[in-house]
C-alpha atoms as a PDB file:
ATOM      1  CA  MET A   1      98.379-124.008 148.306  1.00  0.00           C
ATOM      2  CA  LYS A   2      95.968-121.628 149.549  1.00  0.00           C
ATOM      3  CA  LEU A   3      96.303-120.056 145.914  1.00  0.00           C
ATOM      4  CA  TRP A   4      95.297-123.267 144.411  1.00  0.00           C
ATOM      5  CA  ARG A   5      92.480-123.840 146.238  1.00  0.00           C
ATOM      6  CA  ALA A   6      91.175-120.293 145.534  1.00  0.00           C
ATOM      7  CA  VAL A   7      91.623-120.959 141.804  1.00  0.00           C
ATOM      8  CA  ILE A   8      89.284-124.057 142.330  1.00  0.00           C
ATOM      9  CA  ALA A   9      87.354-122.397 143.515  1.00  0.00           C
ATOM     10  CA  GLY A  10      87.098-119.235 141.005  1.00  0.00           C
ATOM     11  CA  SER A  11      87.322-121.852 138.294  1.00  0.00           C
ATOM     12  CA  LEU A  12      84.696-124.212 139.282  1.00  0.00           C
ATOM     13  CA  ALA A  13      82.525-120.911 140.240  1.00  0.00           C
ATOM     14  CA  ALA A  14      83.243-119.450 136.709  1.00  0.00           C
ATOM     15  CA  ALA A  15      82.451-123.179 134.891  1.00  0.00           C
ATOM     16  CA  LEU A  16      78.982-122.865 136.161  1.00  0.00           C
ATOM     17  CA  ALA A  17      78.494-119.217 135.559  1.00  0.00           C
ATOM     18  CA  VAL A  18      79.231-120.357 131.831  1.00  0.00           C
ATOM     19  CA  ILE A  19      76.587-123.438 131.983  1.00  0.00           C
ATOM     20  CA  LEU A  20      74.166-121.071 133.216  1.00  0.00           C
ATOM     21  CA  ALA A  21      74.539-118.182 131.126  1.00  0.00           C
ATOM     22  CA  THR A  22      74.811-120.144 127.972  1.00  0.00           C
ATOM     23  CA  ALA A  23      71.465-121.685 129.053  1.00  0.00           C
ATOM     24  CA  PHE A  24      69.756-118.251 129.501  1.00  0.00           C
ATOM     25  CA  LEU A  25      70.959-117.398 126.373  1.00  0.00           C
ATOM     26  CA  ALA A  26      69.957-120.616 124.267  1.00  0.00           C
ATOM     27  CA  ALA A  27      66.171-120.086 126.180  1.00  0.00           C
ATOM     28  CA  GLU A  28      66.173-116.266 124.897  1.00  0.00           C
ATOM     29  CA  GLY A  29      67.237-117.211 121.384  1.00  0.00           C
ATOM     30  CA  ARG A  30      70.070-115.356 121.486  1.00  0.00           C
ATOM     31  CA  ILE A  31      72.855-117.818 120.636  1.00  0.00           C
ATOM     32  CA  HIS A  32      72.441-121.537 119.189  1.00  0.00           C
ATOM     33  CA  LEU A  33      74.549-124.473 120.902  1.00  0.00           C
ATOM     34  CA  PRO A  34      76.355-126.872 118.300  1.00  0.00           C
ATOM     35  CA  TRP A  35      73.864-129.342 119.024  1.00  0.00           C
ATOM     36  CA  PRO A  36      69.996-129.866 118.697  1.00  0.00           C
ATOM     37  CA  MET A  37      67.573-128.564 121.574  1.00  0.00           C
ATOM     38  CA  MET A  38      65.672-131.063 123.776  1.00  0.00           C
ATOM     39  CA  ALA A  39      62.248-129.922 123.028  1.00  0.00           C
ATOM     40  CA  PRO A  40      61.493-132.607 120.631  1.00  0.00           C
ATOM     41  CA  GLN A  41      62.458-135.714 123.137  1.00  0.00           C
ATOM     42  CA  ILE A  42      60.165-134.367 125.790  1.00  0.00           C
ATOM     43  CA  GLY A  43      57.573-134.551 124.056  1.00  0.00           C
ATOM     44  CA  THR A  44      56.358-131.361 122.727  1.00  0.00           C
ATOM     45  CA  ARG A  45      55.122-133.471 119.325  1.00  0.00           C
ATOM     46  CA  LEU A  46      53.400-135.887 121.368  1.00  0.00           C
ATOM     47  CA  GLY A  47      51.451-133.642 123.257  1.00  0.00           C
ATOM     48  CA  TRP A  48      52.431-134.836 126.614  1.00  0.00           C
ATOM     49  CA  LEU A  49      51.044-133.273 129.694  1.00  0.00           C
ATOM     50  CA  GLY A  50      53.207-130.445 130.666  1.00  0.00           C
ATOM     51  CA  ALA A  51      55.441-131.533 127.501  1.00  0.00           C
ATOM     52  CA  HIS A  52      55.447-127.526 126.738  1.00  0.00           C
ATOM     53  CA  ARG A  53      56.648-126.216 130.336  1.00  0.00           C
ATOM     54  CA  LEU A  54      59.597-128.382 130.625  1.00  0.00           C
ATOM     55  CA  ALA A  55      60.349-127.079 126.620  1.00  0.00           C
ATOM     56  CA  ALA A  56      60.434-123.674 128.405  1.00  0.00           C
ATOM     57  CA  ALA A  57      62.958-124.774 130.600  1.00  0.00           C
ATOM     58  CA  GLY A  58      64.537-127.156 128.450  1.00  0.00           C
ATOM     59  CA  PRO A  59      67.830-124.984 127.925  1.00  0.00           C
ATOM     60  CA  TYR A  60      68.337-125.139 131.937  1.00  0.00           C
ATOM     61  CA  ILE A  61      67.455-129.162 131.995  1.00  0.00           C
ATOM     62  CA  GLU A  62      69.826-129.765 128.561  1.00  0.00           C
ATOM     63  CA  ALA A  63      72.501-128.210 130.520  1.00  0.00           C
ATOM     64  CA  THR A  64      72.428-129.726 133.571  1.00  0.00           C
ATOM     65  CA  ALA A  65      71.889-133.461 131.758  1.00  0.00           C
ATOM     66  CA  GLY A  66      74.982-132.956 129.982  1.00  0.00           C
ATOM     67  CA  LEU A  67      77.016-132.500 132.823  1.00  0.00           C
ATOM     68  CA  LEU A  68      75.460-135.215 134.710  1.00  0.00           C
ATOM     69  CA  LEU A  69      76.042-137.532 131.587  1.00  0.00           C
ATOM     70  CA  GLN A  70      79.293-136.867 131.101  1.00  0.00           C
ATOM     71  CA  PHE A  71      80.282-137.141 135.101  1.00  0.00           C
ATOM     72  CA  LEU A  72      78.185-140.672 135.241  1.00  0.00           C
ATOM     73  CA  LEU A  73      79.971-141.673 131.825  1.00  0.00           C
ATOM     74  CA  GLY A  74      83.229-141.005 133.245  1.00  0.00           C
ATOM     75  CA  ALA A  75      82.204-142.945 136.738  1.00  0.00           C
ATOM     76  CA  LEU A  76      81.296-145.815 135.139  1.00  0.00           C
ATOM     77  CA  ILE A  77      84.453-146.471 132.786  1.00  0.00           C
ATOM     78  CA  LEU A  78      86.845-146.075 136.196  1.00  0.00           C
ATOM     79  CA  TYR A  79      85.049-148.469 137.839  1.00  0.00           C
ATOM     80  CA  LEU A  80      84.594-150.938 135.120  1.00  0.00           C
ATOM     81  CA  MET A  81      88.294-150.616 134.209  1.00  0.00           C
ATOM     82  CA  PRO A  82      90.218-148.620 137.232  1.00  0.00           C
ATOM     83  CA  GLU A  83      93.476-149.385 136.476  1.00  0.00           C
ATOM     84  CA  ARG A  84      93.649-149.247 133.000  1.00  0.00           C
ATOM     85  CA  MET A  85      91.801-145.453 133.239  1.00  0.00           C
ATOM     86  CA  ARG A  86      94.755-144.690 136.351  1.00  0.00           C
ATOM     87  CA  ARG A  87      97.556-145.569 133.190  1.00  0.00           C
ATOM     88  CA  LEU A  88      95.630-143.587 130.704  1.00  0.00           C
ATOM     89  CA  THR A  89      95.348-140.719 132.804  1.00  0.00           C
ATOM     90  CA  ASP A  90      98.827-141.062 133.456  1.00  0.00           C
ATOM     91  CA  ALA A  91      99.410-140.803 130.131  1.00  0.00           C
ATOM     92  CA  VAL A  92      97.503-137.825 128.629  1.00  0.00           C
ATOM     93  CA  THR A  93      99.092-135.763 131.910  1.00  0.00           C
ATOM     94  CA  GLY A  94     101.535-133.059 130.539  1.00  0.00           C
ATOM     95  CA  GLY A  95     101.230-130.487 127.900  1.00  0.00           C
ATOM     96  CA  ARG A  96     103.857-132.121 125.568  1.00  0.00           C
ATOM     97  CA  ALA A  97     101.676-135.680 126.154  1.00  0.00           C
ATOM     98  CA  ILE A  98      98.252-133.919 124.892  1.00  0.00           C
ATOM     99  CA  GLY A  99     100.055-132.237 121.717  1.00  0.00           C
ATOM    100  CA  ARG A 100     101.461-135.847 120.816  1.00  0.00           C
ATOM    101  CA  TYR A 101      98.338-137.583 121.322  1.00  0.00           C
ATOM    102  CA  LEU A 102      96.252-135.051 119.231  1.00  0.00           C
ATOM    103  CA  ALA A 103      98.373-135.343 116.518  1.00  0.00           C
ATOM    104  CA  ILE A 104      97.909-139.341 116.841  1.00  0.00           C
ATOM    105  CA  GLY A 105      94.167-138.619 117.169  1.00  0.00           C
ATOM    106  CA  LEU A 106      94.072-136.911 114.059  1.00  0.00           C
ATOM    107  CA  VAL A 107      96.516-139.285 112.525  1.00  0.00           C
ATOM    108  CA  LEU A 108      94.268-142.422 113.217  1.00  0.00           C
ATOM    109  CA  THR A 109      90.681-140.604 112.410  1.00  0.00           C
ATOM    110  CA  LEU A 110      92.099-139.607 109.236  1.00  0.00           C
ATOM    111  CA  GLY A 111      93.582-143.751 108.559  1.00  0.00           C
ATOM    112  CA  LEU A 112      90.594-144.734 109.880  1.00  0.00           C
ATOM    113  CA  GLY A 113      88.638-142.451 107.732  1.00  0.00           C
ATOM    114  CA  ALA A 114      90.372-143.794 104.540  1.00  0.00           C
ATOM    115  CA  VAL A 115      89.906-147.390 105.214  1.00  0.00           C
ATOM    116  CA  ALA A 116      86.106-146.581 105.788  1.00  0.00           C
ATOM    117  CA  LEU A 117      85.795-145.070 102.295  1.00  0.00           C
ATOM    118  CA  LEU A 118      87.812-147.627 100.716  1.00  0.00           C
ATOM    119  CA  SER A 119      85.622-150.417 102.255  1.00  0.00           C
ATOM    120  CA  ALA A 120      82.659-148.771 100.797  1.00  0.00           C
ATOM    121  CA  PHE A 121      83.794-150.203  96.951  1.00  0.00           C
ATOM    122  CA  TYR A 122      83.701-153.908  98.680  1.00  0.00           C
ATOM    123  CA  LEU A 123      80.305-155.327  99.612  1.00  0.00           C
ATOM    124  CA  HIS A 124      82.083-157.977 102.117  1.00  0.00           C
ATOM    125  CA  THR A 125      83.585-154.873 104.075  1.00  0.00           C
ATOM    126  CA  ALA A 126      80.604-153.021 103.791  1.00  0.00           C
ATOM    127  CA  LEU A 127      79.986-152.840 107.987  1.00  0.00           C
ATOM    128  CA  LEU A 128      83.700-151.926 108.625  1.00  0.00           C
ATOM    129  CA  PRO A 129      82.749-148.177 108.895  1.00  0.00           C
ATOM    130  CA  PHE A 130      80.025-148.376 111.176  1.00  0.00           C
ATOM    131  CA  VAL A 131      82.603-150.906 113.657  1.00  0.00           C
ATOM    132  CA  LEU A 132      85.674-148.176 113.283  1.00  0.00           C
ATOM    133  CA  ALA A 133      82.765-145.374 113.873  1.00  0.00           C
ATOM    134  CA  GLY A 134      82.102-147.352 117.026  1.00  0.00           C
ATOM    135  CA  ILE A 135      85.774-148.140 118.533  1.00  0.00           C
ATOM    136  CA  LEU A 136      86.763-144.474 117.475  1.00  0.00           C
ATOM    137  CA  ILE A 137      83.774-143.034 119.263  1.00  0.00           C
ATOM    138  CA  LEU A 138      84.591-145.689 122.362  1.00  0.00           C
ATOM    139  CA  ALA A 139      88.436-144.155 122.346  1.00  0.00           C
ATOM    140  CA  ALA A 140      87.708-140.574 122.266  1.00  0.00           C
ATOM    141  CA  LEU A 141      85.097-141.023 125.076  1.00  0.00           C
ATOM    142  CA  ALA A 142      87.428-143.377 127.129  1.00  0.00           C
ATOM    143  CA  GLY A 143      90.359-140.387 126.450  1.00  0.00           C
ATOM    144  CA  ALA A 144      87.754-137.265 127.297  1.00  0.00           C
ATOM    145  CA  GLU A 145      87.325-139.197 130.448  1.00  0.00           C
ATOM    146  CA  ALA A 146      90.714-139.316 131.585  1.00  0.00           C
ATOM    147  CA  LEU A 147      91.766-135.986 130.448  1.00  0.00           C
ATOM    148  CA  ALA A 148      89.054-134.574 132.925  1.00  0.00           C
ATOM    149  CA  LEU A 149      90.199-136.928 135.189  1.00  0.00           C
ATOM    150  CA  GLY A 150      94.105-136.092 135.020  1.00  0.00           C
ATOM    151  CA  LEU A 151      92.860-131.925 134.979  1.00  0.00           C
ATOM    152  CA  GLY A 152      91.014-132.641 137.877  1.00  0.00           C
ATOM    153  CA  ARG A 153      93.375-134.924 139.762  1.00  0.00           C
ATOM    154  CA  GLU A 154      95.966-132.158 139.173  1.00  0.00           C
ATOM    155  CA  LEU A 155      94.177-129.155 140.532  1.00  0.00           C
ATOM    156  CA  LEU A 156      93.659-131.288 143.514  1.00  0.00           C
ATOM    157  CA  ARG A 157      97.085-132.519 143.810  1.00  0.00           C
ATOM    158  CA  ARG A 158      98.489-128.768 144.029  1.00  0.00           C
ATOM    159  CA  ALA A 159      95.669-127.965 146.046  1.00  0.00           C
ATOM    160  CA  ALA A 160      96.843-130.434 148.229  1.00  0.00           C
ATOM    161  CA  TRP A 161      93.224-131.944 148.424  1.00  0.00           C
ATOM    162  CA  SER A 162      95.051-135.253 146.389  1.00  0.00           C
ATOM    163  CA  GLY A 163      93.789-137.664 149.210  1.00  0.00           C
ATOM    164  CA  GLY A 164      90.159-137.578 148.361  1.00  0.00           C
ATOM    165  CA  SER A 165      87.746-139.808 146.028  1.00  0.00           C
ATOM    166  CA  PRO A 166      88.652-139.953 142.141  1.00  0.00           C
ATOM    167  CA  LEU A 167      85.311-139.306 141.981  1.00  0.00           C
ATOM    168  CA  VAL A 168      85.567-135.777 142.952  1.00  0.00           C
ATOM    169  CA  ALA A 169      88.712-135.232 140.344  1.00  0.00           C
ATOM    170  CA  LEU A 170      86.586-136.316 137.476  1.00  0.00           C
ATOM    171  CA  LEU A 171      83.837-133.864 138.799  1.00  0.00           C
ATOM    172  CA  VAL A 172      86.053-130.978 138.895  1.00  0.00           C
ATOM    173  CA  GLY A 173      87.941-132.005 135.550  1.00  0.00           C
ATOM    174  CA  THR A 174      84.564-132.775 133.962  1.00  0.00           C
ATOM    175  CA  THR A 175      82.826-129.511 135.146  1.00  0.00           C
ATOM    176  CA  LEU A 176      85.732-127.386 133.501  1.00  0.00           C
ATOM    177  CA  LEU A 177      86.020-129.048 130.588  1.00  0.00           C
ATOM    178  CA  TYR A 178      81.997-129.514 129.641  1.00  0.00           C
ATOM    179  CA  ALA A 179      82.290-125.539 130.372  1.00  0.00           C
ATOM    180  CA  LEU A 180      84.401-125.245 127.360  1.00  0.00           C
ATOM    181  CA  THR A 181      82.115-127.335 125.314  1.00  0.00           C
ATOM    182  CA  ARG A 182      78.918-124.526 125.789  1.00  0.00           C
ATOM    183  CA  LEU A 183      80.854-121.777 124.815  1.00  0.00           C
ATOM    184  CA  PRO A 184      79.165-120.900 121.577  1.00  0.00           C
ATOM    185  CA  TYR A 185      82.127-120.293 119.281  1.00  0.00           C
ATOM    186  CA  ALA A 186      84.504-122.444 120.698  1.00  0.00           C
ATOM    187  CA  ALA A 187      82.513-125.298 121.464  1.00  0.00           C
ATOM    188  CA  PRO A 188      83.173-127.180 117.978  1.00  0.00           C
ATOM    189  CA  VAL A 189      86.827-126.717 118.250  1.00  0.00           C
ATOM    190  CA  VAL A 190      87.095-127.652 122.172  1.00  0.00           C
ATOM    191  CA  MET A 191      84.963-130.605 121.157  1.00  0.00           C
ATOM    192  CA  ALA A 192      87.160-131.942 118.008  1.00  0.00           C
ATOM    193  CA  VAL A 193      90.249-131.644 120.502  1.00  0.00           C
ATOM    194  CA  LEU A 194      89.339-133.295 123.126  1.00  0.00           C
ATOM    195  CA  ALA A 195      87.583-136.171 120.997  1.00  0.00           C
ATOM    196  CA  LEU A 196      91.212-136.382 118.939  1.00  0.00           C
ATOM    197  CA  THR A 197      93.292-135.902 121.847  1.00  0.00           C
ATOM    198  CA  GLY A 198      91.135-138.699 123.823  1.00  0.00           C
ATOM    199  CA  ALA A 199      90.894-141.231 120.954  1.00  0.00           C
ATOM    200  CA  GLY A 200      94.587-140.509 120.506  1.00  0.00           C
ATOM    201  CA  ALA A 201      95.829-141.477 123.784  1.00  0.00           C
ATOM    202  CA  ALA A 202      93.391-144.410 124.169  1.00  0.00           C
ATOM    203  CA  LEU A 203      94.193-146.443 121.041  1.00  0.00           C
ATOM    204  CA  SER A 204      98.097-145.813 121.288  1.00  0.00           C
ATOM    205  CA  THR A 205      98.229-146.790 124.952  1.00  0.00           C
ATOM    206  CA  ARG A 206      95.673-149.426 124.419  1.00  0.00           C
ATOM    207  CA  PHE A 207      93.177-148.225 126.416  1.00  0.00           C
ATOM    208  CA  GLY A 208      95.787-147.995 129.183  1.00  0.00           C
ATOM    209  CA  GLY A 209      97.346-151.534 128.691  1.00  0.00           C
ATOM    210  CA  ARG A 210     100.245-152.296 129.958  1.00  0.00           C
ATOM    211  CA  ARG A 211     101.533-152.988 126.519  1.00  0.00           C
ATOM    212  CA  THR A 212     102.325-150.702 123.782  1.00  0.00           C
ATOM    213  CA  TRP A 213     101.889-151.442 120.062  1.00  0.00           C
ATOM    214  CA  THR A 214     105.203-153.284 118.514  1.00  0.00           C
ATOM    215  CA  LEU A 215     105.690-155.615 115.980  1.00  0.00           C
ATOM    216  CA  ASP A 216     108.209-157.706 118.187  1.00  0.00           C
ATOM    217  CA  PRO A 217     106.534-160.646 118.537  1.00  0.00           C
ATOM    218  CA  LEU A 218     106.586-160.892 114.422  1.00  0.00           C
ATOM    219  CA  ARG A 219     110.172-160.531 114.093  1.00  0.00           C
ATOM    220  CA  GLU A 220     112.150-163.788 112.786  1.00  0.00           C
ATOM    221  CA  VAL A 221     114.116-165.110 115.559  1.00  0.00           C
ATOM    222  CA  SER A 222     117.641-165.749 113.783  1.00  0.00           C
ATOM    223  CA  GLU A 223     118.906-169.220 114.550  1.00  0.00           C
ATOM    224  CA  ARG A 224     122.546-169.756 115.626  1.00  0.00           C
END
């Protein structure tokens, strides 16, 4: 119990150190994260008052805002569909389950990409790629939040802290996974794995629904 509590404390400290270190290196121009900096968004091009000071602190603001955004999105999803998120989190718990859902997410992404590509040849399906992309993004977001919740819940359970709020578990898991998405070279791979695994888990479980995908309702019933 004490060992796992020390592991959680050390992991969170290391994650926060990674977030701050990458923000510092980005501010110094030594690394380039796989997304644009936030200077244009805070008004440096429009001449807003104090915008250049904000731009100087941009990497730190961006790092903090990214962590808060991920946590708040997860909290919103938890409140919107708590039962579905519990079932989805249970589904993604375990190493074998993650590997299976990663493969499913990759196959689904390739399949949806093929459908979107073929729909470009037909006028009446011109909007279909945007619809499919929206569904895939929502599935990836919900699944990734379930992964964060599952990671935090499992760590807190091993440390005998499982009786607390699920928001604490979500915060722990989000912090650890977010730190991985800040690593300069590993970030694109980590983000792709999280998105594909989350999308595969969400879509294959119908966003944590009680029923699985099946064609049994369409089977013909033999007459006696």
